[in-house]
Amino acid sequence: ICIEDLVHEIATCGPNFKQASSALWPFKLSNPTGGW
């Protein structure tokens, strides 16, 4: 029901990990600081 629940489900790989991961849009990240 909240973001901390979502973080906990992902961090502990809980029983609803698949649903929690699928509910998140793929993360769009920047190039790392200092480059590859």
PDB file of all heavy atoms in Angstrom:
ATOM      1  N   ILE A   1       0.805  -1.224   0.000  1.00  0.00           N
ATOM      2  CA  ILE A   1       0.000   0.000   0.000  1.00  0.00           C
ATOM      3  C   ILE A   1       0.839   1.274   0.000  1.00  0.00           C
ATOM      4  O   ILE A   1       0.282   2.364  -0.068  1.00  0.00           O
ATOM      5  CB  ILE A   1      -0.958   0.020   1.215  1.00  0.00           C
ATOM      6  CG1 ILE A   1      -0.160  -0.029   2.519  1.00  0.00           C
ATOM      7  CG2 ILE A   1      -1.953  -1.126   1.136  1.00  0.00           C
ATOM      8  CD1 ILE A   1      -1.002   0.169   3.765  1.00  0.00           C
ATOM      9  N   CYS A   2       2.158   1.141   0.084  1.00  0.00           N
ATOM     10  CA  CYS A   2       3.006   2.335   0.103  1.00  0.00           C
ATOM     11  C   CYS A   2       4.364   2.013  -0.520  1.00  0.00           C
ATOM     12  O   CYS A   2       4.666   0.851  -0.814  1.00  0.00           O
ATOM     13  CB  CYS A   2       3.170   2.883   1.520  1.00  0.00           C
ATOM     14  SG  CYS A   2       4.019   1.742   2.629  1.00  0.00           S
ATOM     15  N   ILE A   3       5.179   3.047  -0.697  1.00  0.00           N
ATOM     16  CA  ILE A   3       6.480   2.865  -1.344  1.00  0.00           C
ATOM     17  C   ILE A   3       7.397   1.994  -0.493  1.00  0.00           C
ATOM     18  O   ILE A   3       8.160   1.177  -1.028  1.00  0.00           O
ATOM     19  CB  ILE A   3       7.127   4.237  -1.628  1.00  0.00           C
ATOM     20  CG1 ILE A   3       6.286   5.010  -2.653  1.00  0.00           C
ATOM     21  CG2 ILE A   3       8.552   4.079  -2.144  1.00  0.00           C
ATOM     22  CD1 ILE A   3       6.858   6.344  -3.054  1.00  0.00           C
ATOM     23  N   GLU A   4       7.332   2.131   0.835  1.00  0.00           N
ATOM     24  CA  GLU A   4       8.181   1.300   1.695  1.00  0.00           C
ATOM     25  C   GLU A   4       7.807  -0.174   1.567  1.00  0.00           C
ATOM     26  O   GLU A   4       8.681  -1.045   1.636  1.00  0.00           O
ATOM     27  CB  GLU A   4       8.072   1.752   3.154  1.00  0.00           C
ATOM     28  CG  GLU A   4       8.918   2.959   3.491  1.00  0.00           C
ATOM     29  CD  GLU A   4      10.396   2.730   3.225  1.00  0.00           C
ATOM     30  OE1 GLU A   4      10.910   1.637   3.512  1.00  0.00           O
ATOM     31  OE2 GLU A   4      11.053   3.654   2.716  1.00  0.00           O
ATOM     32  N   ASP A   5       6.512  -0.470   1.382  1.00  0.00           N
ATOM     33  CA  ASP A   5       6.105  -1.851   1.118  1.00  0.00           C
ATOM     34  C   ASP A   5       6.729  -2.355  -0.176  1.00  0.00           C
ATOM     35  O   ASP A   5       7.187  -3.497  -0.263  1.00  0.00           O
ATOM     36  CB  ASP A   5       4.571  -1.939   1.004  1.00  0.00           C
ATOM     37  CG  ASP A   5       3.884  -1.842   2.348  1.00  0.00           C
ATOM     38  OD1 ASP A   5       4.567  -2.001   3.371  1.00  0.00           O
ATOM     39  OD2 ASP A   5       2.664  -1.600   2.370  1.00  0.00           O
ATOM     40  N   LEU A   6       6.731  -1.492  -1.185  1.00  0.00           N
ATOM     41  CA  LEU A   6       7.294  -1.855  -2.490  1.00  0.00           C
ATOM     42  C   LEU A   6       8.795  -2.117  -2.379  1.00  0.00           C
ATOM     43  O   LEU A   6       9.312  -3.111  -2.914  1.00  0.00           O
ATOM     44  CB  LEU A   6       7.014  -0.726  -3.486  1.00  0.00           C
ATOM     45  CG  LEU A   6       7.464  -0.937  -4.932  1.00  0.00           C
ATOM     46  CD1 LEU A   6       6.758  -2.124  -5.550  1.00  0.00           C
ATOM     47  CD2 LEU A   6       7.208   0.321  -5.752  1.00  0.00           C
ATOM     48  N   VAL A   7       9.508  -1.235  -1.672  1.00  0.00           N
ATOM     49  CA  VAL A   7      10.954  -1.410  -1.474  1.00  0.00           C
ATOM     50  C   VAL A   7      11.237  -2.706  -0.717  1.00  0.00           C
ATOM     51  O   VAL A   7      12.142  -3.471  -1.081  1.00  0.00           O
ATOM     52  CB  VAL A   7      11.537  -0.195  -0.713  1.00  0.00           C
ATOM     53  CG1 VAL A   7      12.978  -0.465  -0.288  1.00  0.00           C
ATOM     54  CG2 VAL A   7      11.469   1.057  -1.569  1.00  0.00           C
ATOM     55  N   HIS A   8      10.442  -2.976   0.314  1.00  0.00           N
ATOM     56  CA  HIS A   8      10.637  -4.187   1.110  1.00  0.00           C
ATOM     57  C   HIS A   8      10.392  -5.437   0.271  1.00  0.00           C
ATOM     58  O   HIS A   8      11.141  -6.429   0.378  1.00  0.00           O
ATOM     59  CB  HIS A   8       9.693  -4.163   2.325  1.00  0.00           C
ATOM     60  CG  HIS A   8       9.789  -5.371   3.195  1.00  0.00           C
ATOM     61  ND1 HIS A   8       8.927  -6.444   3.077  1.00  0.00           N
ATOM     62  CD2 HIS A   8      10.649  -5.692   4.201  1.00  0.00           C
ATOM     63  CE1 HIS A   8       9.244  -7.364   3.963  1.00  0.00           C
ATOM     64  NE2 HIS A   8      10.284  -6.936   4.659  1.00  0.00           N
ATOM     65  N   GLU A   9       9.363  -5.411  -0.552  1.00  0.00           N
ATOM     66  CA  GLU A   9       9.039  -6.578  -1.386  1.00  0.00           C
ATOM     67  C   GLU A   9      10.169  -6.883  -2.365  1.00  0.00           C
ATOM     68  O   GLU A   9      10.517  -8.045  -2.604  1.00  0.00           O
ATOM     69  CB  GLU A   9       7.733  -6.318  -2.156  1.00  0.00           C
ATOM     70  CG  GLU A   9       7.126  -7.544  -2.808  1.00  0.00           C
ATOM     71  CD  GLU A   9       6.550  -8.534  -1.817  1.00  0.00           C
ATOM     72  OE1 GLU A   9       6.246  -8.119  -0.675  1.00  0.00           O
ATOM     73  OE2 GLU A   9       6.407  -9.710  -2.176  1.00  0.00           O
ATOM     74  N   ILE A  10      10.776  -5.831  -2.925  1.00  0.00           N
ATOM     75  CA  ILE A  10      11.869  -6.024  -3.881  1.00  0.00           C
ATOM     76  C   ILE A  10      13.146  -6.444  -3.158  1.00  0.00           C
ATOM     77  O   ILE A  10      13.847  -7.369  -3.589  1.00  0.00           O
ATOM     78  CB  ILE A  10      12.097  -4.732  -4.689  1.00  0.00           C
ATOM     79  CG1 ILE A  10      10.904  -4.472  -5.611  1.00  0.00           C
ATOM     80  CG2 ILE A  10      13.378  -4.823  -5.516  1.00  0.00           C
ATOM     81  CD1 ILE A  10      10.922  -3.131  -6.291  1.00  0.00           C
ATOM     82  N   ALA A  11      13.452  -5.788  -2.041  1.00  0.00           N
ATOM     83  CA  ALA A  11      14.699  -6.062  -1.321  1.00  0.00           C
ATOM     84  C   ALA A  11      14.737  -7.483  -0.764  1.00  0.00           C
ATOM     85  O   ALA A  11      15.796  -8.120  -0.754  1.00  0.00           O
ATOM     86  CB  ALA A  11      14.879  -5.047  -0.194  1.00  0.00           C
ATOM     87  N   THR A  12      13.581  -7.990  -0.308  1.00  0.00           N
ATOM     88  CA  THR A  12      13.534  -9.320   0.292  1.00  0.00           C
ATOM     89  C   THR A  12      13.082 -10.393  -0.697  1.00  0.00           C
ATOM     90  O   THR A  12      13.016 -11.568  -0.334  1.00  0.00           O
ATOM     91  CB  THR A  12      12.574  -9.326   1.495  1.00  0.00           C
ATOM     92  OG1 THR A  12      11.254  -8.941   1.051  1.00  0.00           O
ATOM     93  CG2 THR A  12      13.048  -8.358   2.562  1.00  0.00           C
ATOM     94  N   CYS A  13      12.780  -9.979  -1.929  1.00  0.00           N
ATOM     95  CA  CYS A  13      12.267 -10.910  -2.951  1.00  0.00           C
ATOM     96  C   CYS A  13      11.064 -11.678  -2.392  1.00  0.00           C
ATOM     97  O   CYS A  13      11.043 -12.906  -2.329  1.00  0.00           O
ATOM     98  CB  CYS A  13      13.350 -11.878  -3.416  1.00  0.00           C
ATOM     99  SG  CYS A  13      12.932 -12.770  -4.939  1.00  0.00           S
ATOM    100  N   GLY A  14      10.052 -10.930  -1.979  1.00  0.00           N
ATOM    101  CA  GLY A  14       8.874 -11.508  -1.351  1.00  0.00           C
ATOM    102  C   GLY A  14       8.011 -12.301  -2.316  1.00  0.00           C
ATOM    103  O   GLY A  14       8.303 -12.413  -3.511  1.00  0.00           O
ATOM    104  N   PRO A  15       6.912 -12.864  -1.816  1.00  0.00           N
ATOM    105  CA  PRO A  15       6.037 -13.701  -2.659  1.00  0.00           C
ATOM    106  C   PRO A  15       5.380 -12.949  -3.811  1.00  0.00           C
ATOM    107  O   PRO A  15       4.987 -13.563  -4.808  1.00  0.00           O
ATOM    108  CB  PRO A  15       4.978 -14.220  -1.675  1.00  0.00           C
ATOM    109  CG  PRO A  15       5.024 -13.267  -0.520  1.00  0.00           C
ATOM    110  CD  PRO A  15       6.435 -12.788  -0.430  1.00  0.00           C
ATOM    111  N   ASN A  16       5.246 -11.616  -3.680  1.00  0.00           N
ATOM    112  CA  ASN A  16       4.626 -10.816  -4.742  1.00  0.00           C
ATOM    113  C   ASN A  16       5.663  -9.987  -5.501  1.00  0.00           C
ATOM    114  O   ASN A  16       5.351  -8.915  -6.015  1.00  0.00           O
ATOM    115  CB  ASN A  16       3.558  -9.895  -4.140  1.00  0.00           C
ATOM    116  CG  ASN A  16       2.448 -10.672  -3.465  1.00  0.00           C
ATOM    117  OD1 ASN A  16       1.880 -11.599  -4.030  1.00  0.00           O
ATOM    118  ND2 ASN A  16       2.151 -10.315  -2.223  1.00  0.00           N
ATOM    119  N   PHE A  17       6.901 -10.522  -5.566  1.00  0.00           N
ATOM    120  CA  PHE A  17       7.973  -9.786  -6.249  1.00  0.00           C
ATOM    121  C   PHE A  17       7.637  -9.552  -7.721  1.00  0.00           C
ATOM    122  O   PHE A  17       7.874  -8.458  -8.259  1.00  0.00           O
ATOM    123  CB  PHE A  17       9.283 -10.563  -6.142  1.00  0.00           C
ATOM    124  CG  PHE A  17      10.407  -9.966  -6.946  1.00  0.00           C
ATOM    125  CD1 PHE A  17      11.179  -8.937  -6.425  1.00  0.00           C
ATOM    126  CD2 PHE A  17      10.682 -10.411  -8.234  1.00  0.00           C
ATOM    127  CE1 PHE A  17      12.205  -8.375  -7.164  1.00  0.00           C
ATOM    128  CE2 PHE A  17      11.706  -9.853  -8.976  1.00  0.00           C
ATOM    129  CZ  PHE A  17      12.464  -8.837  -8.446  1.00  0.00           C
ATOM    130  N   LYS A  18       7.085 -10.547  -8.385  1.00  0.00           N
ATOM    131  CA  LYS A  18       6.782 -10.424  -9.815  1.00  0.00           C
ATOM    132  C   LYS A  18       5.804  -9.277 -10.068  1.00  0.00           C
ATOM    133  O   LYS A  18       6.002  -8.457 -10.976  1.00  0.00           O
ATOM    134  CB  LYS A  18       6.207 -11.731 -10.348  1.00  0.00           C
ATOM    135  CG  LYS A  18       5.904 -11.717 -11.835  1.00  0.00           C
ATOM    136  CD  LYS A  18       5.343 -13.043 -12.298  1.00  0.00           C
ATOM    137  CE  LYS A  18       5.000 -13.000 -13.787  1.00  0.00           C
ATOM    138  NZ  LYS A  18       4.406 -14.288 -14.245  1.00  0.00           N
ATOM    139  N   GLN A  19       4.731  -9.220  -9.261  1.00  0.00           N
ATOM    140  CA  GLN A  19       3.738  -8.156  -9.426  1.00  0.00           C
ATOM    141  C   GLN A  19       4.338  -6.783  -9.095  1.00  0.00           C
ATOM    142  O   GLN A  19       4.071  -5.800  -9.791  1.00  0.00           O
ATOM    143  CB  GLN A  19       2.526  -8.412  -8.523  1.00  0.00           C
ATOM    144  CG  GLN A  19       1.659  -9.594  -8.939  1.00  0.00           C
ATOM    145  CD  GLN A  19       2.205 -10.933  -8.501  1.00  0.00           C
ATOM    146  OE1 GLN A  19       3.241 -10.998  -7.851  1.00  0.00           O
ATOM    147  NE2 GLN A  19       1.526 -12.010  -8.854  1.00  0.00           N
ATOM    148  N   ALA A  20       5.176  -6.729  -8.043  1.00  0.00           N
ATOM    149  CA  ALA A  20       5.786  -5.454  -7.656  1.00  0.00           C
ATOM    150  C   ALA A  20       6.741  -4.955  -8.734  1.00  0.00           C
ATOM    151  O   ALA A  20       6.752  -3.761  -9.067  1.00  0.00           O
ATOM    152  CB  ALA A  20       6.534  -5.623  -6.328  1.00  0.00           C
ATOM    153  N   SER A  21       7.543  -5.862  -9.285  1.00  0.00           N
ATOM    154  CA  SER A  21       8.494  -5.470 -10.321  1.00  0.00           C
ATOM    155  C   SER A  21       7.782  -5.067 -11.607  1.00  0.00           C
ATOM    156  O   SER A  21       8.163  -4.094 -12.271  1.00  0.00           O
ATOM    157  CB  SER A  21       9.459  -6.622 -10.594  1.00  0.00           C
ATOM    158  OG  SER A  21      10.363  -6.292 -11.616  1.00  0.00           O
ATOM    159  N   SER A  22       6.721  -5.798 -11.958  1.00  0.00           N
ATOM    160  CA  SER A  22       5.975  -5.497 -13.192  1.00  0.00           C
ATOM    161  C   SER A  22       5.220  -4.176 -13.089  1.00  0.00           C
ATOM    162  O   SER A  22       4.956  -3.534 -14.108  1.00  0.00           O
ATOM    163  CB  SER A  22       4.989  -6.630 -13.507  1.00  0.00           C
ATOM    164  OG  SER A  22       5.670  -7.851 -13.675  1.00  0.00           O
ATOM    165  N   ALA A  23       4.853  -3.781 -11.869  1.00  0.00           N
ATOM    166  CA  ALA A  23       4.116  -2.522 -11.695  1.00  0.00           C
ATOM    167  C   ALA A  23       5.009  -1.309 -11.908  1.00  0.00           C
ATOM    168  O   ALA A  23       4.505  -0.200 -12.107  1.00  0.00           O
ATOM    169  CB  ALA A  23       3.501  -2.471 -10.299  1.00  0.00           C
ATOM    170  N   LEU A  24       6.329  -1.512 -11.862  1.00  0.00           N
ATOM    171  CA  LEU A  24       7.264  -0.409 -12.082  1.00  0.00           C
ATOM    172  C   LEU A  24       7.648  -0.338 -13.552  1.00  0.00           C
ATOM    173  O   LEU A  24       7.964  -1.355 -14.174  1.00  0.00           O
ATOM    174  CB  LEU A  24       8.531  -0.608 -11.234  1.00  0.00           C
ATOM    175  CG  LEU A  24       8.395  -0.411  -9.727  1.00  0.00           C
ATOM    176  CD1 LEU A  24       9.670  -0.860  -9.040  1.00  0.00           C
ATOM    177  CD2 LEU A  24       8.092   1.037  -9.399  1.00  0.00           C
ATOM    178  N   TRP A  25       7.623   0.867 -14.091  1.00  0.00           N
ATOM    179  CA  TRP A  25       8.120   1.076 -15.456  1.00  0.00           C
ATOM    180  C   TRP A  25       9.644   0.880 -15.432  1.00  0.00           C
ATOM    181  O   TRP A  25      10.292   1.240 -14.447  1.00  0.00           O
ATOM    182  CB  TRP A  25       7.782   2.494 -15.900  1.00  0.00           C
ATOM    183  CG  TRP A  25       7.905   2.713 -17.377  1.00  0.00           C
ATOM    184  CD1 TRP A  25       9.036   3.020 -18.068  1.00  0.00           C
ATOM    185  CD2 TRP A  25       6.846   2.648 -18.350  1.00  0.00           C
ATOM    186  NE1 TRP A  25       8.758   3.147 -19.404  1.00  0.00           N
ATOM    187  CE2 TRP A  25       7.425   2.922 -19.604  1.00  0.00           C
ATOM    188  CE3 TRP A  25       5.486   2.386 -18.275  1.00  0.00           C
ATOM    189  CZ2 TRP A  25       6.688   2.946 -20.789  1.00  0.00           C
ATOM    190  CZ3 TRP A  25       4.744   2.407 -19.435  1.00  0.00           C
ATOM    191  CH2 TRP A  25       5.332   2.682 -20.677  1.00  0.00           C
ATOM    192  N   PRO A  26      10.236   0.286 -16.493  1.00  0.00           N
ATOM    193  CA  PRO A  26      11.700   0.146 -16.500  1.00  0.00           C
ATOM    194  C   PRO A  26      12.392   1.481 -16.209  1.00  0.00           C
ATOM    195  O   PRO A  26      12.039   2.512 -16.773  1.00  0.00           O
ATOM    196  CB  PRO A  26      12.001  -0.343 -17.921  1.00  0.00           C
ATOM    197  CG  PRO A  26      10.762  -1.071 -18.330  1.00  0.00           C
ATOM    198  CD  PRO A  26       9.626  -0.335 -17.689  1.00  0.00           C
ATOM    199  N   PHE A  27      13.363   1.447 -15.322  1.00  0.00           N
ATOM    200  CA  PHE A  27      14.046   2.674 -14.892  1.00  0.00           C
ATOM    201  C   PHE A  27      14.850   3.265 -16.049  1.00  0.00           C
ATOM    202  O   PHE A  27      15.581   2.551 -16.741  1.00  0.00           O
ATOM    203  CB  PHE A  27      14.982   2.375 -13.722  1.00  0.00           C
ATOM    204  CG  PHE A  27      14.278   1.902 -12.489  1.00  0.00           C
ATOM    205  CD1 PHE A  27      14.110   0.552 -12.243  1.00  0.00           C
ATOM    206  CD2 PHE A  27      13.771   2.812 -11.568  1.00  0.00           C
ATOM    207  CE1 PHE A  27      13.448   0.111 -11.109  1.00  0.00           C
ATOM    208  CE2 PHE A  27      13.111   2.383 -10.430  1.00  0.00           C
ATOM    209  CZ  PHE A  27      12.949   1.025 -10.205  1.00  0.00           C
ATOM    210  N   LYS A  28      14.710   4.580 -16.240  1.00  0.00           N
ATOM    211  CA  LYS A  28      15.496   5.287 -17.250  1.00  0.00           C
ATOM    212  C   LYS A  28      16.616   6.030 -16.530  1.00  0.00           C
ATOM    213  O   LYS A  28      16.375   7.044 -15.878  1.00  0.00           O
ATOM    214  CB  LYS A  28      14.608   6.261 -18.033  1.00  0.00           C
ATOM    215  CG  LYS A  28      13.553   5.566 -18.883  1.00  0.00           C
ATOM    216  CD  LYS A  28      12.787   6.549 -19.750  1.00  0.00           C
ATOM    217  CE  LYS A  28      11.795   5.827 -20.649  1.00  0.00           C
ATOM    218  NZ  LYS A  28      11.094   6.757 -21.560  1.00  0.00           N
ATOM    219  N   LEU A  29      17.837   5.516 -16.659  1.00  0.00           N
ATOM    220  CA  LEU A  29      18.965   6.041 -15.908  1.00  0.00           C
ATOM    221  C   LEU A  29      19.878   6.891 -16.795  1.00  0.00           C
ATOM    222  O   LEU A  29      19.835   6.795 -18.026  1.00  0.00           O
ATOM    223  CB  LEU A  29      19.763   4.884 -15.299  1.00  0.00           C
ATOM    224  CG  LEU A  29      18.957   3.925 -14.416  1.00  0.00           C
ATOM    225  CD1 LEU A  29      19.820   2.760 -13.977  1.00  0.00           C
ATOM    226  CD2 LEU A  29      18.377   4.640 -13.210  1.00  0.00           C
ATOM    227  N   SER A  30      20.709   7.697 -16.158  1.00  0.00           N
ATOM    228  CA  SER A  30      21.691   8.513 -16.866  1.00  0.00           C
ATOM    229  C   SER A  30      22.988   7.721 -17.010  1.00  0.00           C
ATOM    230  O   SER A  30      23.185   6.680 -16.376  1.00  0.00           O
ATOM    231  CB  SER A  30      21.963   9.801 -16.101  1.00  0.00           C
ATOM    232  OG  SER A  30      20.754  10.487 -15.813  1.00  0.00           O
ATOM    233  N   ASN A  31      23.895   8.237 -17.841  1.00  0.00           N
ATOM    234  CA  ASN A  31      25.235   7.660 -17.880  1.00  0.00           C
ATOM    235  C   ASN A  31      25.901   7.877 -16.526  1.00  0.00           C
ATOM    236  O   ASN A  31      25.658   8.886 -15.863  1.00  0.00           O
ATOM    237  CB  ASN A  31      26.070   8.317 -18.978  1.00  0.00           C
ATOM    238  CG  ASN A  31      25.708   7.785 -20.351  1.00  0.00           C
ATOM    239  OD1 ASN A  31      25.364   6.618 -20.515  1.00  0.00           O
ATOM    240  ND2 ASN A  31      25.777   8.652 -21.348  1.00  0.00           N
ATOM    241  N   PRO A  32      26.734   6.936 -16.089  1.00  0.00           N
ATOM    242  CA  PRO A  32      27.347   7.089 -14.751  1.00  0.00           C
ATOM    243  C   PRO A  32      28.242   8.310 -14.667  1.00  0.00           C
ATOM    244  O   PRO A  32      28.836   8.735 -15.667  1.00  0.00           O
ATOM    245  CB  PRO A  32      28.144   5.794 -14.585  1.00  0.00           C
ATOM    246  CG  PRO A  32      28.366   5.288 -15.960  1.00  0.00           C
ATOM    247  CD  PRO A  32      27.176   5.712 -16.761  1.00  0.00           C
ATOM    248  N   THR A  33      28.328   8.872 -13.475  1.00  0.00           N
ATOM    249  CA  THR A  33      29.214  10.013 -13.233  1.00  0.00           C
ATOM    250  C   THR A  33      30.652   9.617 -13.568  1.00  0.00           C
ATOM    251  O   THR A  33      31.157   8.619 -13.059  1.00  0.00           O
ATOM    252  CB  THR A  33      29.140  10.448 -11.763  1.00  0.00           C
ATOM    253  OG1 THR A  33      27.773  10.686 -11.425  1.00  0.00           O
ATOM    254  CG2 THR A  33      29.950  11.704 -11.530  1.00  0.00           C
ATOM    255  N   GLY A  34      31.297  10.384 -14.435  1.00  0.00           N
ATOM    256  CA  GLY A  34      32.645  10.036 -14.859  1.00  0.00           C
ATOM    257  C   GLY A  34      32.686   9.181 -16.103  1.00  0.00           C
ATOM    258  O   GLY A  34      33.753   8.941 -16.665  1.00  0.00           O
ATOM    259  N   GLY A  35      31.507   8.728 -16.571  1.00  0.00           N
ATOM    260  CA  GLY A  35      31.432   7.961 -17.807  1.00  0.00           C
ATOM    261  C   GLY A  35      31.729   6.483 -17.616  1.00  0.00           C
ATOM    262  O   GLY A  35      32.105   6.020 -16.544  1.00  0.00           O
ATOM    263  N   TRP A  36      31.534   5.723 -18.701  1.00  0.00           N
ATOM    264  CA  TRP A  36      31.830   4.300 -18.708  1.00  0.00           C
ATOM    265  C   TRP A  36      33.338   4.087 -18.862  1.00  0.00           C
ATOM    266  O   TRP A  36      34.086   4.998 -19.201  1.00  0.00           O
ATOM    267  CB  TRP A  36      31.096   3.609 -19.862  1.00  0.00           C
ATOM    268  CG  TRP A  36      29.618   3.694 -19.785  1.00  0.00           C
ATOM    269  CD1 TRP A  36      28.803   4.515 -20.493  1.00  0.00           C
ATOM    270  CD2 TRP A  36      28.745   2.916 -18.953  1.00  0.00           C
ATOM    271  NE1 TRP A  36      27.489   4.313 -20.156  1.00  0.00           N
ATOM    272  CE2 TRP A  36      27.421   3.339 -19.216  1.00  0.00           C
ATOM    273  CE3 TRP A  36      28.954   1.907 -18.010  1.00  0.00           C
ATOM    274  CZ2 TRP A  36      26.328   2.789 -18.583  1.00  0.00           C
ATOM    275  CZ3 TRP A  36      27.853   1.350 -17.374  1.00  0.00           C
ATOM    276  CH2 TRP A  36      26.560   1.795 -17.656  1.00  0.00           C
TER     277      TRP A  36
END
